């Protein structure tokens, strides 16, 4: 995995989460793949609840791991169907990849070939989220051996966030009423 194809082009590897920012990154990755005539690898990383590795709480039975893997695969396929609803998909060869482990590490390990491009969404992160969860984008920028394209969230994501913030439910309902009135 992660090697140059015979025609000299690499891959565009993109992290997929299903978020609005993730969809923005996925669409940008598809544009880059078309421009480069490269393969598009959409990657959804997943971890067992409670974590993986030596610090996890307990060994997870194999049937549960298979179920979680299947859920991750189903989610990835649903996101790809939402992002590329037409029969021709993104217009380039597409590989849907699920990887068990942290998102940053999975993306960096897969985007390791000459000619590869790693695409990640930057997302919007509040203070609490920055303290509790590591940034996938920062991890990829620090550890990737190929170029990394960090895609900012779409302007629509900022509007949706503003509606979800304190009092956002009231603003959203008011906006929906306004739209319903045709104003």
N, C-alpha and C. Protein backbone atom coordinates (compact mmCIF):
# COMPACT_ATOMS: atom_id res chain seq x y z
N UNK A 1 0.82 -1.19 0.00
CA UNK A 1 0.00 0.00 0.00
C UNK A 1 0.87 1.25 0.00
N UNK A 2 0.33 2.33 -0.60
CA UNK A 2 1.02 3.60 -0.53
C UNK A 2 2.12 3.77 -1.57
N UNK A 3 2.10 3.00 -2.62
CA UNK A 3 3.15 3.12 -3.63
C UNK A 3 2.60 3.79 -4.89
N UNK A 4 3.50 4.28 -5.70
CA UNK A 4 3.12 4.93 -6.94
C UNK A 4 2.56 3.90 -7.90
N UNK A 5 1.50 4.30 -8.60
CA UNK A 5 0.94 3.43 -9.62
C UNK A 5 1.86 3.40 -10.83
N UNK A 6 1.65 2.46 -11.70
CA UNK A 6 2.50 2.29 -12.85
C UNK A 6 2.55 3.48 -13.78
N UNK A 7 1.47 4.29 -13.83
CA UNK A 7 1.46 5.42 -14.76
C UNK A 7 2.10 6.67 -14.16
N UNK A 8 2.69 6.55 -12.96
CA UNK A 8 3.42 7.66 -12.37
C UNK A 8 2.61 8.57 -11.47
N UNK A 9 1.29 8.36 -11.41
CA UNK A 9 0.48 9.19 -10.53
C UNK A 9 0.31 8.51 -9.19
N UNK A 10 0.08 9.28 -8.17
CA UNK A 10 -0.10 8.74 -6.83
C UNK A 10 -1.56 8.66 -6.47
N UNK A 11 -1.79 8.82 -5.19
CA UNK A 11 -3.15 8.76 -4.67
C UNK A 11 -3.45 10.05 -3.92
N UNK A 12 -4.72 10.34 -3.81
CA UNK A 12 -5.19 11.39 -2.93
C UNK A 12 -5.91 10.67 -1.80
N UNK A 13 -5.35 10.75 -0.61
CA UNK A 13 -5.90 10.07 0.56
C UNK A 13 -6.61 11.12 1.40
N UNK A 14 -7.86 10.84 1.77
CA UNK A 14 -8.65 11.82 2.53
C UNK A 14 -9.33 11.14 3.71
N UNK A 15 -9.30 11.83 4.84
CA UNK A 15 -10.01 11.35 6.02
C UNK A 15 -11.48 11.65 5.89
N UNK A 16 -12.31 10.67 6.25
CA UNK A 16 -13.76 10.81 6.14
C UNK A 16 -14.36 10.64 7.53
N UNK A 17 -15.25 11.59 7.89
CA UNK A 17 -15.90 11.49 9.19
C UNK A 17 -17.42 11.59 9.09
N UNK A 18 -17.92 12.16 8.01
CA UNK A 18 -19.35 12.38 7.86
C UNK A 18 -19.78 13.76 8.31
N UNK A 19 -18.87 14.55 8.89
CA UNK A 19 -19.20 15.91 9.31
C UNK A 19 -19.27 16.82 8.09
N UNK A 20 -19.84 17.99 8.28
CA UNK A 20 -19.91 18.96 7.19
C UNK A 20 -18.51 19.35 6.72
N UNK A 21 -17.58 19.55 7.67
CA UNK A 21 -16.20 19.86 7.30
C UNK A 21 -15.54 18.70 6.59
N UNK A 22 -15.86 17.47 7.03
CA UNK A 22 -15.31 16.29 6.37
C UNK A 22 -15.80 16.15 4.94
N UNK A 23 -17.07 16.51 4.71
CA UNK A 23 -17.61 16.46 3.34
C UNK A 23 -16.93 17.51 2.46
N UNK A 24 -16.63 18.66 3.04
CA UNK A 24 -15.90 19.69 2.30
C UNK A 24 -14.52 19.16 1.88
N UNK A 25 -13.83 18.52 2.82
CA UNK A 25 -12.50 17.96 2.52
C UNK A 25 -12.61 16.84 1.48
N UNK A 26 -13.63 16.01 1.60
CA UNK A 26 -13.81 14.90 0.65
C UNK A 26 -14.04 15.43 -0.77
N UNK A 27 -14.87 16.45 -0.89
CA UNK A 27 -15.11 17.03 -2.22
C UNK A 27 -13.85 17.69 -2.78
N UNK A 28 -13.08 18.35 -1.93
CA UNK A 28 -11.83 18.96 -2.38
C UNK A 28 -10.84 17.87 -2.81
N UNK A 29 -10.80 16.77 -2.07
CA UNK A 29 -9.92 15.65 -2.42
C UNK A 29 -10.31 15.07 -3.77
N UNK A 30 -11.60 14.96 -4.04
CA UNK A 30 -12.06 14.45 -5.33
C UNK A 30 -11.62 15.38 -6.46
N UNK A 31 -11.72 16.69 -6.23
CA UNK A 31 -11.23 17.67 -7.23
C UNK A 31 -9.74 17.48 -7.49
N UNK A 32 -8.97 17.33 -6.42
CA UNK A 32 -7.52 17.14 -6.56
C UNK A 32 -7.21 15.84 -7.31
N UNK A 33 -7.95 14.78 -7.00
CA UNK A 33 -7.72 13.49 -7.67
C UNK A 33 -8.02 13.61 -9.17
N UNK A 34 -9.11 14.30 -9.51
CA UNK A 34 -9.42 14.49 -10.93
C UNK A 34 -8.33 15.30 -11.61
N UNK A 35 -7.90 16.38 -10.96
CA UNK A 35 -6.86 17.25 -11.55
C UNK A 35 -5.55 16.49 -11.75
N UNK A 36 -5.20 15.63 -10.81
CA UNK A 36 -3.95 14.88 -10.87
C UNK A 36 -4.07 13.56 -11.62
N UNK A 37 -5.30 13.20 -11.99
CA UNK A 37 -5.60 11.87 -12.57
C UNK A 37 -5.07 10.78 -11.65
N UNK A 38 -5.42 10.92 -10.39
CA UNK A 38 -4.97 9.99 -9.35
C UNK A 38 -6.15 9.21 -8.79
N UNK A 39 -5.84 8.19 -8.04
CA UNK A 39 -6.87 7.44 -7.32
C UNK A 39 -7.28 8.23 -6.09
N UNK A 40 -8.54 8.09 -5.69
CA UNK A 40 -9.04 8.71 -4.47
C UNK A 40 -9.24 7.62 -3.44
N UNK A 41 -8.58 7.77 -2.29
CA UNK A 41 -8.74 6.83 -1.19
C UNK A 41 -9.45 7.55 -0.05
N UNK A 42 -10.69 7.16 0.21
CA UNK A 42 -11.47 7.72 1.31
C UNK A 42 -11.28 6.81 2.52
N UNK A 43 -10.79 7.37 3.62
CA UNK A 43 -10.41 6.56 4.79
C UNK A 43 -11.23 6.97 6.01
N UNK A 44 -11.87 5.99 6.62
CA UNK A 44 -12.54 6.22 7.89
C UNK A 44 -11.83 5.37 8.94
N UNK A 45 -11.23 6.04 9.91
CA UNK A 45 -10.53 5.34 10.99
C UNK A 45 -11.51 5.14 12.15
N UNK A 46 -11.40 4.02 12.82
CA UNK A 46 -12.27 3.74 13.96
C UNK A 46 -11.49 3.08 15.08
N UNK A 47 -11.94 3.31 16.29
CA UNK A 47 -11.33 2.70 17.46
C UNK A 47 -12.42 2.02 18.27
N UNK A 48 -12.05 0.97 18.95
CA UNK A 48 -13.00 0.28 19.83
C UNK A 48 -13.39 1.21 20.97
N UNK A 49 -14.64 1.20 21.39
CA UNK A 49 -15.02 2.00 22.56
C UNK A 49 -14.12 1.64 23.74
N UNK A 50 -13.65 2.65 24.43
CA UNK A 50 -12.71 2.41 25.53
C UNK A 50 -11.27 2.45 25.08
N UNK A 51 -11.06 2.56 23.77
CA UNK A 51 -9.71 2.67 23.25
C UNK A 51 -9.12 1.35 22.83
N UNK A 52 -8.01 1.43 22.14
CA UNK A 52 -7.25 0.27 21.69
C UNK A 52 -5.87 0.30 22.33
N UNK A 53 -5.20 -0.77 22.24
CA UNK A 53 -3.81 -0.80 22.70
C UNK A 53 -3.65 -1.17 24.15
N UNK A 54 -2.43 -1.00 24.66
CA UNK A 54 -2.11 -1.47 26.00
C UNK A 54 -2.84 -0.74 27.12
N UNK A 55 -3.35 0.46 26.84
CA UNK A 55 -4.05 1.19 27.90
C UNK A 55 -5.55 0.97 27.88
N UNK A 56 -6.05 0.14 26.95
CA UNK A 56 -7.49 -0.09 26.89
C UNK A 56 -7.94 -0.89 28.12
N UNK A 57 -9.21 -0.75 28.43
CA UNK A 57 -9.73 -1.36 29.65
C UNK A 57 -9.72 -2.88 29.65
N UNK A 58 -10.06 -3.48 28.54
CA UNK A 58 -10.11 -4.94 28.48
C UNK A 58 -10.02 -5.39 27.02
N UNK A 59 -9.67 -6.65 26.86
CA UNK A 59 -9.63 -7.22 25.52
C UNK A 59 -11.07 -7.29 24.99
N UNK A 60 -11.24 -6.95 23.72
CA UNK A 60 -12.57 -6.93 23.12
C UNK A 60 -12.78 -8.24 22.37
N UNK A 61 -13.92 -8.91 22.59
CA UNK A 61 -14.20 -10.16 21.87
C UNK A 61 -14.26 -9.92 20.36
N UNK A 62 -13.77 -10.87 19.61
CA UNK A 62 -13.72 -10.76 18.16
C UNK A 62 -15.08 -10.49 17.52
N UNK A 63 -16.18 -11.11 17.98
CA UNK A 63 -17.48 -10.79 17.36
C UNK A 63 -17.85 -9.30 17.47
N UNK A 64 -17.51 -8.69 18.59
CA UNK A 64 -17.77 -7.25 18.73
C UNK A 64 -16.90 -6.43 17.79
N UNK A 65 -15.65 -6.80 17.65
CA UNK A 65 -14.76 -6.09 16.73
C UNK A 65 -15.28 -6.19 15.30
N UNK A 66 -15.77 -7.36 14.91
CA UNK A 66 -16.33 -7.53 13.56
C UNK A 66 -17.55 -6.64 13.38
N UNK A 67 -18.38 -6.56 14.42
CA UNK A 67 -19.58 -5.72 14.34
C UNK A 67 -19.20 -4.25 14.21
N UNK A 68 -18.24 -3.79 15.01
CA UNK A 68 -17.81 -2.40 14.94
C UNK A 68 -17.17 -2.08 13.61
N UNK A 69 -16.40 -3.04 13.08
CA UNK A 69 -15.78 -2.85 11.76
C UNK A 69 -16.87 -2.71 10.69
N UNK A 70 -17.90 -3.55 10.77
CA UNK A 70 -19.00 -3.49 9.81
C UNK A 70 -19.75 -2.16 9.93
N UNK A 71 -19.93 -1.68 11.15
CA UNK A 71 -20.58 -0.37 11.34
C UNK A 71 -19.75 0.74 10.70
N UNK A 72 -18.43 0.69 10.88
CA UNK A 72 -17.54 1.69 10.27
C UNK A 72 -17.62 1.62 8.76
N UNK A 73 -17.62 0.43 8.21
CA UNK A 73 -17.71 0.27 6.75
C UNK A 73 -19.04 0.81 6.24
N UNK A 74 -20.13 0.53 6.96
CA UNK A 74 -21.44 1.03 6.56
C UNK A 74 -21.49 2.55 6.60
N UNK A 75 -20.90 3.13 7.64
CA UNK A 75 -20.88 4.59 7.74
C UNK A 75 -20.08 5.20 6.60
N UNK A 76 -18.93 4.61 6.29
CA UNK A 76 -18.10 5.12 5.20
C UNK A 76 -18.86 5.07 3.88
N UNK A 77 -19.51 3.96 3.60
CA UNK A 77 -20.26 3.84 2.34
C UNK A 77 -21.42 4.83 2.28
N UNK A 78 -22.07 5.08 3.43
CA UNK A 78 -23.17 6.05 3.47
C UNK A 78 -22.65 7.47 3.19
N UNK A 79 -21.51 7.81 3.76
CA UNK A 79 -20.93 9.14 3.52
C UNK A 79 -20.55 9.28 2.05
N UNK A 80 -19.97 8.25 1.48
CA UNK A 80 -19.57 8.33 0.07
C UNK A 80 -20.80 8.44 -0.84
N UNK A 81 -21.88 7.73 -0.50
CA UNK A 81 -23.11 7.81 -1.29
C UNK A 81 -23.71 9.22 -1.19
N UNK A 82 -23.61 9.84 -0.03
CA UNK A 82 -24.10 11.20 0.15
C UNK A 82 -23.24 12.20 -0.62
N UNK A 83 -21.94 12.02 -0.57
CA UNK A 83 -21.02 12.95 -1.23
C UNK A 83 -21.04 12.81 -2.74
N UNK A 84 -21.20 11.59 -3.24
CA UNK A 84 -21.15 11.33 -4.68
C UNK A 84 -22.40 10.55 -5.10
N UNK A 85 -23.57 11.22 -5.19
CA UNK A 85 -24.83 10.52 -5.43
C UNK A 85 -25.03 10.01 -6.85
N UNK A 86 -24.21 10.45 -7.80
CA UNK A 86 -24.41 10.02 -9.19
C UNK A 86 -23.71 8.69 -9.44
N UNK A 87 -24.09 8.05 -10.53
CA UNK A 87 -23.55 6.73 -10.86
C UNK A 87 -22.05 6.77 -11.11
N UNK A 88 -21.52 7.88 -11.64
CA UNK A 88 -20.09 7.94 -11.93
C UNK A 88 -19.26 8.32 -10.71
N UNK A 89 -19.90 8.53 -9.55
CA UNK A 89 -19.17 8.81 -8.31
C UNK A 89 -18.33 10.05 -8.43
N UNK A 90 -17.10 10.01 -7.91
CA UNK A 90 -16.25 11.20 -7.96
C UNK A 90 -15.57 11.42 -9.31
N UNK A 91 -15.72 10.49 -10.24
CA UNK A 91 -15.10 10.65 -11.56
C UNK A 91 -13.67 10.16 -11.63
N UNK A 92 -13.19 9.50 -10.59
CA UNK A 92 -11.85 8.89 -10.55
C UNK A 92 -11.98 7.55 -9.84
N UNK A 93 -10.98 6.67 -10.00
CA UNK A 93 -11.03 5.42 -9.24
C UNK A 93 -11.10 5.72 -7.74
N UNK A 94 -12.03 5.06 -7.04
CA UNK A 94 -12.28 5.31 -5.63
C UNK A 94 -12.08 4.04 -4.82
N UNK A 95 -11.32 4.15 -3.75
CA UNK A 95 -11.17 3.05 -2.79
C UNK A 95 -11.71 3.52 -1.46
N UNK A 96 -12.60 2.73 -0.87
CA UNK A 96 -13.15 3.02 0.45
C UNK A 96 -12.39 2.14 1.45
N UNK A 97 -11.71 2.79 2.40
CA UNK A 97 -10.83 2.07 3.33
C UNK A 97 -11.25 2.38 4.76
N UNK A 98 -11.46 1.33 5.56
CA UNK A 98 -11.63 1.52 6.99
C UNK A 98 -10.36 1.03 7.66
N UNK A 99 -9.95 1.74 8.70
CA UNK A 99 -8.71 1.40 9.39
C UNK A 99 -8.94 1.48 10.89
N UNK A 100 -8.58 0.44 11.59
CA UNK A 100 -8.72 0.44 13.04
C UNK A 100 -7.52 1.17 13.64
N UNK A 101 -7.82 2.20 14.40
CA UNK A 101 -6.78 2.99 15.04
C UNK A 101 -7.13 4.46 15.00
N UNK A 102 -6.21 5.28 15.49
CA UNK A 102 -6.46 6.71 15.51
C UNK A 102 -6.44 7.26 14.09
N UNK A 103 -7.24 8.29 13.86
CA UNK A 103 -7.39 8.84 12.52
C UNK A 103 -6.07 9.39 11.97
N UNK A 104 -5.36 10.17 12.76
CA UNK A 104 -4.11 10.75 12.29
C UNK A 104 -3.11 9.70 11.88
N UNK A 105 -2.91 8.73 12.75
CA UNK A 105 -1.93 7.67 12.45
C UNK A 105 -2.34 6.88 11.21
N UNK A 106 -3.62 6.55 11.10
CA UNK A 106 -4.10 5.77 9.94
C UNK A 106 -3.86 6.53 8.65
N UNK A 107 -4.18 7.82 8.64
CA UNK A 107 -4.01 8.61 7.42
C UNK A 107 -2.54 8.74 7.03
N UNK A 108 -1.68 9.01 8.00
CA UNK A 108 -0.26 9.16 7.72
C UNK A 108 0.34 7.84 7.22
N UNK A 109 -0.07 6.72 7.79
CA UNK A 109 0.46 5.43 7.34
C UNK A 109 0.01 5.09 5.93
N UNK A 110 -1.21 5.47 5.57
CA UNK A 110 -1.71 5.16 4.22
C UNK A 110 -1.16 6.10 3.16
N UNK A 111 -0.98 7.36 3.50
CA UNK A 111 -0.48 8.35 2.53
C UNK A 111 1.04 8.42 2.65
N UNK A 112 1.70 7.38 2.19
CA UNK A 112 3.15 7.30 2.40
C UNK A 112 3.93 7.16 1.09
N UNK A 113 3.23 7.14 -0.03
CA UNK A 113 3.92 6.91 -1.29
C UNK A 113 4.35 8.18 -1.98
N UNK A 114 5.33 8.02 -2.85
CA UNK A 114 5.78 9.14 -3.68
C UNK A 114 4.61 9.52 -4.57
N UNK A 115 4.30 10.78 -4.62
CA UNK A 115 3.18 11.24 -5.44
C UNK A 115 1.85 11.27 -4.72
N UNK A 116 1.81 10.82 -3.47
CA UNK A 116 0.57 10.87 -2.70
C UNK A 116 0.31 12.28 -2.19
N UNK A 117 -0.96 12.58 -1.96
CA UNK A 117 -1.39 13.83 -1.33
C UNK A 117 -2.37 13.44 -0.24
N UNK A 118 -2.18 13.99 0.95
CA UNK A 118 -3.08 13.75 2.07
C UNK A 118 -3.96 14.98 2.25
N UNK A 119 -5.28 14.78 2.26
CA UNK A 119 -6.23 15.87 2.42
C UNK A 119 -6.98 15.68 3.73
N UNK A 120 -6.97 16.72 4.56
CA UNK A 120 -7.68 16.67 5.84
C UNK A 120 -8.48 17.96 6.01
N UNK A 121 -9.59 17.84 6.70
CA UNK A 121 -10.38 19.02 7.03
C UNK A 121 -9.84 19.64 8.31
N UNK A 122 -9.89 20.96 8.38
CA UNK A 122 -9.38 21.62 9.59
C UNK A 122 -10.44 21.70 10.67
N UNK A 123 -11.70 21.71 10.30
CA UNK A 123 -12.77 21.75 11.29
C UNK A 123 -12.72 23.00 12.16
N UNK A 124 -13.73 23.14 12.98
CA UNK A 124 -13.78 24.22 13.96
C UNK A 124 -13.69 23.55 15.32
N UNK A 125 -12.74 23.98 16.10
CA UNK A 125 -12.52 23.33 17.40
C UNK A 125 -12.56 24.36 18.51
N UNK A 126 -13.46 24.13 19.46
CA UNK A 126 -13.54 25.01 20.63
C UNK A 126 -12.46 24.65 21.64
N UNK A 127 -12.38 25.45 22.69
CA UNK A 127 -11.35 25.22 23.72
C UNK A 127 -11.46 23.85 24.35
N UNK A 128 -12.67 23.46 24.72
CA UNK A 128 -12.85 22.17 25.39
C UNK A 128 -12.41 21.02 24.49
N UNK A 129 -12.79 21.09 23.24
CA UNK A 129 -12.43 20.01 22.32
C UNK A 129 -10.92 19.94 22.12
N UNK A 130 -10.26 21.10 22.06
CA UNK A 130 -8.80 21.10 21.90
C UNK A 130 -8.12 20.47 23.10
N UNK A 131 -8.68 20.69 24.30
CA UNK A 131 -8.07 20.12 25.51
C UNK A 131 -8.30 18.61 25.60
N UNK A 132 -9.45 18.13 25.14
CA UNK A 132 -9.83 16.73 25.34
C UNK A 132 -9.41 15.80 24.21
N UNK A 133 -9.36 16.30 23.01
CA UNK A 133 -9.08 15.43 21.86
C UNK A 133 -7.95 16.01 21.01
N UNK A 134 -7.01 15.19 20.63
CA UNK A 134 -5.92 15.67 19.79
C UNK A 134 -6.43 16.03 18.40
N UNK A 135 -5.78 16.96 17.75
CA UNK A 135 -6.14 17.39 16.41
C UNK A 135 -5.56 16.44 15.37
N UNK A 136 -6.43 15.87 14.57
CA UNK A 136 -6.00 15.00 13.49
C UNK A 136 -5.17 15.80 12.49
N UNK A 137 -5.62 17.00 12.19
CA UNK A 137 -4.91 17.84 11.23
C UNK A 137 -3.49 18.13 11.69
N UNK A 138 -3.34 18.52 12.96
CA UNK A 138 -1.99 18.80 13.47
C UNK A 138 -1.11 17.56 13.43
N UNK A 139 -1.66 16.41 13.79
CA UNK A 139 -0.90 15.17 13.75
C UNK A 139 -0.40 14.91 12.32
N UNK A 140 -1.31 15.04 11.35
CA UNK A 140 -0.94 14.77 9.96
C UNK A 140 0.12 15.76 9.46
N UNK A 141 -0.03 17.04 9.79
CA UNK A 141 0.95 18.02 9.37
C UNK A 141 2.33 17.74 9.97
N UNK A 142 2.35 17.23 11.19
CA UNK A 142 3.63 16.97 11.87
C UNK A 142 4.29 15.67 11.43
N UNK A 143 3.50 14.67 11.00
CA UNK A 143 4.06 13.34 10.77
C UNK A 143 4.03 12.85 9.32
N UNK A 144 3.29 13.49 8.45
CA UNK A 144 3.16 12.99 7.08
C UNK A 144 4.47 13.12 6.31
N UNK A 145 4.71 12.16 5.43
CA UNK A 145 5.90 12.18 4.58
C UNK A 145 5.56 12.66 3.17
N UNK A 146 4.30 13.00 2.94
CA UNK A 146 3.85 13.52 1.66
C UNK A 146 3.22 14.89 1.89
N UNK A 147 2.93 15.63 0.83
CA UNK A 147 2.25 16.92 1.02
C UNK A 147 0.88 16.73 1.68
N UNK A 148 0.50 17.70 2.52
CA UNK A 148 -0.79 17.67 3.20
C UNK A 148 -1.55 18.93 2.81
N UNK A 149 -2.79 18.74 2.39
CA UNK A 149 -3.67 19.85 2.07
C UNK A 149 -4.70 19.94 3.19
N UNK A 150 -4.65 21.01 3.98
CA UNK A 150 -5.60 21.23 5.07
C UNK A 150 -6.72 22.13 4.54
N UNK A 151 -7.94 21.58 4.49
CA UNK A 151 -9.08 22.27 3.90
C UNK A 151 -9.90 22.94 5.00
N UNK A 152 -10.06 24.25 4.93
CA UNK A 152 -10.87 24.93 5.96
C UNK A 152 -12.33 24.57 5.79
N UNK A 153 -13.11 24.73 6.85
CA UNK A 153 -14.54 24.41 6.74
C UNK A 153 -15.22 25.37 5.77
N UNK A 154 -16.32 24.91 5.21
CA UNK A 154 -17.09 25.77 4.30
C UNK A 154 -17.75 26.88 5.11
N UNK A 155 -18.07 27.99 4.47
CA UNK A 155 -18.78 29.07 5.17
C UNK A 155 -20.10 28.58 5.76
N UNK A 156 -20.73 27.61 5.13
CA UNK A 156 -21.98 27.06 5.65
C UNK A 156 -21.78 26.44 7.02
N UNK A 157 -20.62 25.82 7.25
CA UNK A 157 -20.35 25.19 8.55
C UNK A 157 -20.36 26.24 9.66
N UNK A 158 -19.84 27.42 9.40
CA UNK A 158 -19.83 28.49 10.41
C UNK A 158 -21.26 28.93 10.72
N UNK A 159 -22.09 29.01 9.68
CA UNK A 159 -23.48 29.41 9.91
C UNK A 159 -24.22 28.36 10.72
N UNK A 160 -24.00 27.08 10.41
CA UNK A 160 -24.65 26.01 11.17
C UNK A 160 -24.17 26.03 12.62
N UNK A 161 -22.88 26.23 12.85
CA UNK A 161 -22.34 26.31 14.21
C UNK A 161 -22.97 27.46 14.98
N UNK A 162 -23.13 28.60 14.33
CA UNK A 162 -23.72 29.75 15.00
C UNK A 162 -25.16 29.46 15.41
N UNK A 163 -25.88 28.72 14.58
CA UNK A 163 -27.25 28.37 14.91
C UNK A 163 -27.32 27.35 16.03
N UNK A 164 -26.28 26.52 16.17
CA UNK A 164 -26.27 25.50 17.22
C UNK A 164 -25.76 26.03 18.55
N UNK A 165 -25.11 27.19 18.55
CA UNK A 165 -24.51 27.73 19.78
C UNK A 165 -25.56 28.12 20.80
N UNK A 166 -25.15 28.82 21.87
CA UNK A 166 -26.10 29.24 22.90
C UNK A 166 -27.26 30.01 22.28
N UNK A 167 -28.47 29.55 22.54
CA UNK A 167 -29.65 30.18 21.97
C UNK A 167 -29.87 29.81 20.52
N UNK A 168 -29.04 28.93 20.00
CA UNK A 168 -29.11 28.57 18.58
C UNK A 168 -30.41 27.91 18.20
N UNK A 169 -30.97 27.12 19.10
CA UNK A 169 -32.24 26.47 18.80
C UNK A 169 -33.32 27.49 18.52
N UNK A 170 -33.37 28.56 19.33
CA UNK A 170 -34.36 29.63 19.10
C UNK A 170 -34.10 30.32 17.77
N UNK A 171 -32.81 30.61 17.49
CA UNK A 171 -32.49 31.26 16.22
C UNK A 171 -32.85 30.37 15.04
N UNK A 172 -32.58 29.07 15.16
CA UNK A 172 -32.89 28.15 14.07
C UNK A 172 -34.40 28.09 13.83
N UNK A 173 -35.19 28.00 14.92
CA UNK A 173 -36.64 27.96 14.75
C UNK A 173 -37.14 29.25 14.12
N UNK A 174 -36.61 30.40 14.56
CA UNK A 174 -37.01 31.69 14.00
C UNK A 174 -36.65 31.76 12.52
N UNK A 175 -35.46 31.28 12.17
CA UNK A 175 -35.03 31.28 10.77
C UNK A 175 -35.93 30.38 9.93
N UNK A 176 -36.29 29.22 10.47
CA UNK A 176 -37.17 28.30 9.74
C UNK A 176 -38.54 28.93 9.53
N UNK A 177 -39.07 29.62 10.57
CA UNK A 177 -40.36 30.31 10.42
C UNK A 177 -40.25 31.39 9.34
N UNK A 178 -39.14 32.14 9.37
CA UNK A 178 -38.94 33.19 8.38
C UNK A 178 -38.92 32.62 6.97
N UNK A 179 -38.22 31.49 6.80
CA UNK A 179 -38.16 30.85 5.49
C UNK A 179 -39.54 30.33 5.07
N UNK A 180 -40.28 29.81 6.05
CA UNK A 180 -41.63 29.30 5.77
C UNK A 180 -42.59 30.40 5.37
N UNK A 181 -42.38 31.61 5.89
CA UNK A 181 -43.24 32.74 5.53
C UNK A 181 -42.89 33.32 4.16
N UNK A 182 -41.78 32.89 3.61
CA UNK A 182 -41.35 33.37 2.30
C UNK A 182 -40.67 34.73 2.34
N UNK A 183 -40.20 35.13 3.54
CA UNK A 183 -39.52 36.44 3.65
C UNK A 183 -38.07 36.33 3.33
